[in-house]
Amino acid sequence: VSSELIRVAILWLELWWEGLEDASRLYFGEGNVSGMLDVLLPLHEQLERGPTTRREHDFFKSFGRDLAEAHAYVKEYIRLTTSSGGVIPSTGGFIGASQAEPSGLSAVRQNAEAEAKLNQAWDLYYTVFRRINKQLPGLTSLELSQCSPALLQARNLELGVPGSYRVDGSYVKIERFIPRVQVITSKQRPRKITIRGSDGKDYVFLLKGHEDLRQDERVMQLFGLVNALLARDRRTNNHDLNIQRYAIAPLSHNAGVVGWVPHCDTLHSLI
């Protein structure tokens, strides 16, 4: 379930948009080719394993050829750089001809050829990035049938609804996931998902990608401790002091679900 929720939280379209943006900053801004490759190569490996959902098939059909060609240029760059005993730079970019020793002119020529391959790759990456950038604003809703058929087909799970676990060990089980998912039109495009519980009630959550929620979870645990202390003290208990909490369940280092708090305004809407 966690892996499928992550699949819904971060589509291939968004993975590549974020990856290309980070890789561009590392390469053009810092001259960190090694860091750029650390970002891009895992994305290419995932692409080579092939798509499994309708959304992934659509992405592969639209961008697969350009990205495969760019990957070929990147691999050729790695071959040219390492075959002569060179090191892929982590800072400062490429060595120019003026910086090289006369005895190393052949290495400089090979370095220039490798740089040309990488520039050809970035011509393709930039084209893909611009096309993805045009598509993202239209991402306003998702159907589980297209982005995670496994979640759509999941029924009567033993897994509990996040935040429903009680001290006595009882909890509300997940009966199914509602097929339609709303995409919130903010920078990170979180999803508003609904889970039908075994008690017949619908539980709404914010499915967030591109963020590490583990620290947020610790804050909620701290608030729980504060509430327990407030309840134990007669002076504070009489005033009904309590910090409102909501469920947070990290799924990985960059995704998780947050309990939806109804009847609230965002800071953006208030400003």
Protein backbone atom coordinates (compact mmCIF):
# COMPACT_ATOMS: atom_id res chain seq x y z
CA VAL A 1 0.00 0.00 0.00
CA SER A 2 2.80 2.43 0.89
CA SER A 3 4.56 1.99 -2.46
CA GLU A 4 1.30 2.52 -4.35
CA LEU A 5 0.48 5.65 -2.36
CA ILE A 6 3.94 6.99 -3.21
CA ARG A 7 3.23 6.19 -6.87
CA VAL A 8 0.10 8.35 -6.63
CA ALA A 9 1.86 11.09 -4.66
CA ILE A 10 4.67 11.54 -7.19
CA LEU A 11 3.92 10.70 -10.83
CA TRP A 12 6.70 10.07 -13.34
CA LEU A 13 5.86 13.47 -14.83
CA GLU A 14 6.66 15.12 -11.49
CA LEU A 15 9.66 12.90 -10.75
CA TRP A 16 11.33 13.94 -13.98
CA TRP A 17 10.36 17.61 -13.61
CA GLU A 18 11.92 17.74 -10.15
CA GLY A 19 14.90 15.60 -11.19
CA LEU A 20 15.72 17.71 -14.24
CA GLU A 21 15.42 20.91 -12.21
CA ASP A 22 17.82 19.58 -9.55
CA ALA A 23 20.21 18.16 -12.14
CA SER A 24 20.24 21.47 -14.05
CA ARG A 25 21.12 23.38 -10.88
CA LEU A 26 23.95 20.96 -10.08
CA TYR A 27 25.38 20.98 -13.60
CA PHE A 28 24.96 24.55 -14.79
CA GLY A 29 25.01 26.27 -11.40
CA GLU A 30 27.70 24.31 -9.55
CA GLY A 31 29.56 22.39 -12.25
CA ASN A 32 28.80 19.24 -10.26
CA VAL A 33 28.55 16.60 -12.99
CA SER A 34 28.82 13.74 -10.49
CA GLY A 35 25.87 15.09 -8.50
CA MET A 36 23.90 15.57 -11.70
CA LEU A 37 24.44 11.92 -12.63
CA ASP A 38 23.41 10.81 -9.13
CA VAL A 39 20.05 12.48 -9.78
CA LEU A 40 19.46 11.40 -13.38
CA LEU A 41 20.77 7.83 -13.55
CA PRO A 42 18.26 6.36 -11.02
CA LEU A 43 15.44 7.99 -13.03
CA HIS A 44 16.75 6.39 -16.23
CA GLU A 45 17.01 3.01 -14.48
CA GLN A 46 13.39 3.30 -13.36
CA LEU A 47 12.35 4.21 -16.91
CA GLU A 48 14.20 1.19 -18.32
CA ARG A 49 12.32 -1.15 -15.97
CA GLY A 50 9.22 -0.12 -17.89
CA PRO A 51 5.84 1.42 -17.08
CA THR A 52 3.15 -0.43 -15.12
CA THR A 53 0.21 2.00 -15.04
CA ARG A 54 -1.71 3.94 -17.67
CA ARG A 55 -0.16 7.22 -16.52
CA GLU A 56 3.34 5.74 -16.76
CA HIS A 57 2.61 4.30 -20.21
CA ASP A 58 1.46 7.75 -21.38
CA PHE A 59 4.65 9.31 -20.02
CA PHE A 60 6.80 6.66 -21.69
CA LYS A 61 5.02 7.19 -25.00
CA SER A 62 5.49 10.97 -24.84
CA PHE A 63 9.04 11.23 -23.50
CA GLY A 64 10.61 7.76 -23.63
CA ARG A 65 12.43 8.20 -26.95
CA ASP A 66 13.98 11.58 -26.08
CA LEU A 67 15.03 10.42 -22.63
CA ALA A 68 16.52 7.19 -24.00
CA GLU A 69 18.56 9.21 -26.50
CA ALA A 70 19.70 11.58 -23.76
CA HIS A 71 20.68 8.57 -21.63
CA ALA A 72 22.80 7.24 -24.50
CA TYR A 73 24.68 10.56 -24.67
CA VAL A 74 25.20 10.49 -20.89
CA LYS A 75 26.59 6.95 -21.01
CA GLU A 76 28.91 7.97 -23.85
CA TYR A 77 30.10 10.90 -21.73
CA ILE A 78 30.86 8.53 -18.84
CA ARG A 79 32.73 6.17 -21.19
CA LEU A 80 34.86 8.94 -22.71
CA THR A 81 35.67 10.43 -19.32
CA THR A 82 36.59 7.22 -17.50
CA SER A 83 38.31 5.35 -20.36
CA SER A 84 41.24 7.76 -20.25
CA GLY A 85 41.51 7.60 -16.48
CA GLY A 86 39.62 10.85 -16.00
CA VAL A 87 37.41 11.68 -13.04
CA ILE A 88 33.85 12.93 -13.33
CA PRO A 89 33.97 16.39 -11.72
CA SER A 90 31.97 17.16 -8.60
CA THR A 91 32.83 20.88 -8.68
CA GLY A 92 34.11 23.31 -11.27
CA GLY A 93 32.81 21.54 -14.37
CA PHE A 94 35.14 20.65 -17.23
CA ILE A 95 38.85 21.34 -17.70
CA GLY A 96 39.38 23.85 -20.47
CA ALA A 97 42.23 23.68 -22.99
CA SER A 98 43.94 26.69 -21.41
CA GLN A 99 44.14 24.83 -18.09
CA ALA A 100 45.73 21.69 -19.50
CA GLU A 101 49.39 20.81 -19.79
CA PRO A 102 50.82 20.57 -23.36
CA SER A 103 51.43 16.85 -22.84
CA GLY A 104 47.76 16.35 -22.10
CA LEU A 105 46.30 17.78 -25.31
CA SER A 106 44.79 14.43 -26.34
CA ALA A 107 43.07 14.22 -22.97
CA VAL A 108 41.76 17.75 -23.49
CA ARG A 109 40.33 16.78 -26.87
CA GLN A 110 38.66 13.76 -25.31
CA ASN A 111 37.35 15.96 -22.51
CA ALA A 112 35.89 18.36 -25.08
CA GLU A 113 34.23 15.46 -26.89
CA ALA A 114 32.76 14.23 -23.62
CA GLU A 115 31.46 17.72 -22.85
CA ALA A 116 29.83 17.86 -26.28
CA LYS A 117 27.99 14.59 -25.54
CA LEU A 118 26.69 16.02 -22.30
CA ASN A 119 25.53 19.19 -24.05
CA GLN A 120 23.65 17.06 -26.58
CA ALA A 121 21.99 15.24 -23.70
CA TRP A 122 20.95 18.55 -22.13
CA ASP A 123 19.43 19.77 -25.40
CA LEU A 124 17.05 16.81 -25.09
CA TYR A 125 16.55 17.17 -21.34
CA TYR A 126 15.62 20.83 -21.78
CA THR A 127 13.08 19.97 -24.46
CA VAL A 128 11.51 17.34 -22.18
CA PHE A 129 11.50 19.75 -19.23
CA ARG A 130 9.67 22.45 -21.19
CA ARG A 131 7.02 19.99 -22.39
CA ILE A 132 6.49 18.64 -18.86
CA ASN A 133 6.27 22.20 -17.54
CA LYS A 134 3.36 22.88 -19.90
CA GLN A 135 1.49 19.75 -18.80
CA LEU A 136 1.76 20.14 -15.02
CA PRO A 137 -0.79 23.01 -14.64
CA GLY A 138 -3.43 20.72 -16.16
CA LEU A 139 -2.89 18.14 -13.42
CA THR A 140 -5.97 18.84 -11.29
CA SER A 141 -7.34 15.35 -10.59
CA LEU A 142 -6.31 11.72 -10.86
CA GLU A 143 -8.15 8.44 -11.28
CA LEU A 144 -6.73 5.49 -9.37
CA SER A 145 -7.56 3.30 -12.37
CA GLN A 146 -4.89 5.21 -14.32
CA CYS A 147 -2.22 5.86 -11.70
CA SER A 148 -2.61 2.93 -9.27
CA PRO A 149 -4.96 0.08 -10.22
CA ALA A 150 -3.62 -1.88 -7.25
CA LEU A 151 -4.99 0.68 -4.79
CA LEU A 152 -8.31 0.77 -6.63
CA GLN A 153 -8.64 -3.00 -6.34
CA ALA A 154 -7.57 -3.17 -2.69
CA ARG A 155 -10.44 -4.31 -0.47
CA ASN A 156 -10.92 -5.05 3.24
CA LEU A 157 -7.30 -4.61 4.27
CA GLU A 158 -5.92 -5.51 7.69
CA LEU A 159 -4.10 -2.18 7.62
CA GLY A 160 -5.62 0.50 9.82
CA VAL A 161 -6.73 3.95 8.75
CA PRO A 162 -3.93 6.36 9.81
CA GLY A 163 -4.70 7.96 13.15
CA SER A 164 -7.40 5.44 14.10
CA TYR A 165 -5.24 3.28 16.39
CA ARG A 166 -6.39 3.38 20.02
CA VAL A 167 -4.69 2.58 23.31
CA ASP A 168 -6.72 -0.62 23.73
CA GLY A 169 -5.34 -1.95 20.42
CA SER A 170 -8.51 -1.48 18.39
CA TYR A 171 -8.49 0.42 15.11
CA VAL A 172 -10.55 1.14 12.02
CA LYS A 173 -9.44 -0.99 9.07
CA ILE A 174 -9.16 0.24 5.49
CA GLU A 175 -12.09 -1.06 3.48
CA ARG A 176 -11.17 0.62 0.18
CA PHE A 177 -9.82 3.76 -1.48
CA ILE A 178 -12.18 6.20 -3.22
CA PRO A 179 -11.31 6.13 -6.97
CA ARG A 180 -11.01 9.87 -7.63
CA VAL A 181 -8.11 11.88 -6.20
CA GLN A 182 -8.04 15.67 -6.19
CA VAL A 183 -4.74 17.45 -6.89
CA ILE A 184 -4.31 20.63 -4.84
CA THR A 185 -3.01 23.44 -7.06
CA SER A 186 -0.07 24.51 -4.92
CA LYS A 187 3.67 24.30 -5.61
CA GLN A 188 4.10 20.66 -4.52
CA ARG A 189 0.68 19.52 -5.84
CA PRO A 190 -0.38 17.35 -2.86
CA ARG A 191 -3.34 14.98 -3.30
CA LYS A 192 -6.59 14.93 -1.40
CA ILE A 193 -7.46 11.26 -0.98
CA THR A 194 -10.40 9.58 0.72
CA ILE A 195 -10.29 6.22 2.50
CA ARG A 196 -13.47 4.29 3.34
CA GLY A 197 -13.10 2.72 6.77
CA SER A 198 -14.49 -0.56 8.06
CA ASP A 199 -16.89 1.53 10.18
CA GLY A 200 -18.50 2.89 7.00
CA LYS A 201 -17.08 6.39 7.43
CA ASP A 202 -14.93 8.27 4.94
CA TYR A 203 -11.55 9.54 6.15
CA VAL A 204 -9.87 12.33 4.19
CA PHE A 205 -6.10 12.77 4.01
CA LEU A 206 -3.57 14.96 2.29
CA LEU A 207 -1.12 12.75 0.39
CA LYS A 208 2.12 14.72 0.14
CA GLY A 209 5.09 14.04 -2.11
CA HIS A 210 8.47 15.80 -2.27
CA GLU A 211 8.46 16.30 1.53
CA ASP A 212 9.89 14.43 4.51
CA LEU A 213 7.12 14.18 7.13
CA ARG A 214 9.11 12.30 9.77
CA GLN A 215 9.88 15.47 11.70
CA ASP A 216 6.22 16.53 11.48
CA GLU A 217 5.28 13.17 12.99
CA ARG A 218 7.66 13.78 15.91
CA VAL A 219 6.07 17.20 16.50
CA MET A 220 2.63 15.58 16.72
CA GLN A 221 4.02 13.07 19.21
CA LEU A 222 5.40 15.97 21.26
CA PHE A 223 1.98 17.65 21.18
CA GLY A 224 0.47 14.41 22.47
CA LEU A 225 2.87 14.47 25.42
CA VAL A 226 2.02 18.12 26.12
CA ASN A 227 -1.70 17.29 26.04
CA ALA A 228 -1.14 14.45 28.52
CA LEU A 229 0.70 16.81 30.88
CA LEU A 230 -2.02 19.46 30.56
CA ALA A 231 -4.70 16.86 31.34
CA ARG A 232 -2.85 15.64 34.45
CA ASP A 233 -2.48 19.10 35.97
CA ARG A 234 -5.66 20.24 37.75
CA ARG A 235 -5.09 23.93 36.98
CA THR A 236 -4.77 23.43 33.21
CA ASN A 237 -7.34 20.64 33.04
CA ASN A 238 -10.03 22.94 34.43
CA HIS A 239 -9.46 25.33 31.51
CA ASP A 240 -9.79 22.55 28.94
CA LEU A 241 -6.40 23.37 27.42
CA ASN A 242 -5.52 21.10 24.51
CA ILE A 243 -3.45 21.23 21.33
CA GLN A 244 -5.41 20.09 18.28
CA ARG A 245 -3.57 17.22 16.60
CA TYR A 246 -3.99 15.35 13.33
CA ALA A 247 -2.66 12.08 11.97
CA ILE A 248 0.70 12.01 10.18
CA ALA A 249 2.04 8.81 8.61
CA PRO A 250 5.38 9.05 6.75
CA LEU A 251 5.59 6.58 3.85
CA SER A 252 9.21 7.25 2.88
CA HIS A 253 11.83 9.99 3.12
CA ASN A 254 9.89 12.09 0.58
CA ALA A 255 6.21 11.17 0.93
CA GLY A 256 3.51 10.68 3.53
CA VAL A 257 -0.13 11.23 4.49
CA VAL A 258 -1.50 13.97 6.72
CA GLY A 259 -4.94 13.97 8.31
CA TRP A 260 -7.28 16.46 6.65
CA VAL A 261 -8.49 19.17 9.06
CA PRO A 262 -11.89 20.43 7.83
CA HIS A 263 -13.33 23.94 8.11
CA CYS A 264 -9.94 25.65 8.07
CA ASP A 265 -8.49 28.45 5.94
CA THR A 266 -5.00 28.40 4.50
CA LEU A 267 -2.58 31.25 5.14
CA HIS A 268 -2.62 31.86 1.38
CA SER A 269 -6.39 32.43 1.34
CA LEU A 270 -6.24 34.66 4.42
CA ILE A 271 -3.50 36.84 2.95
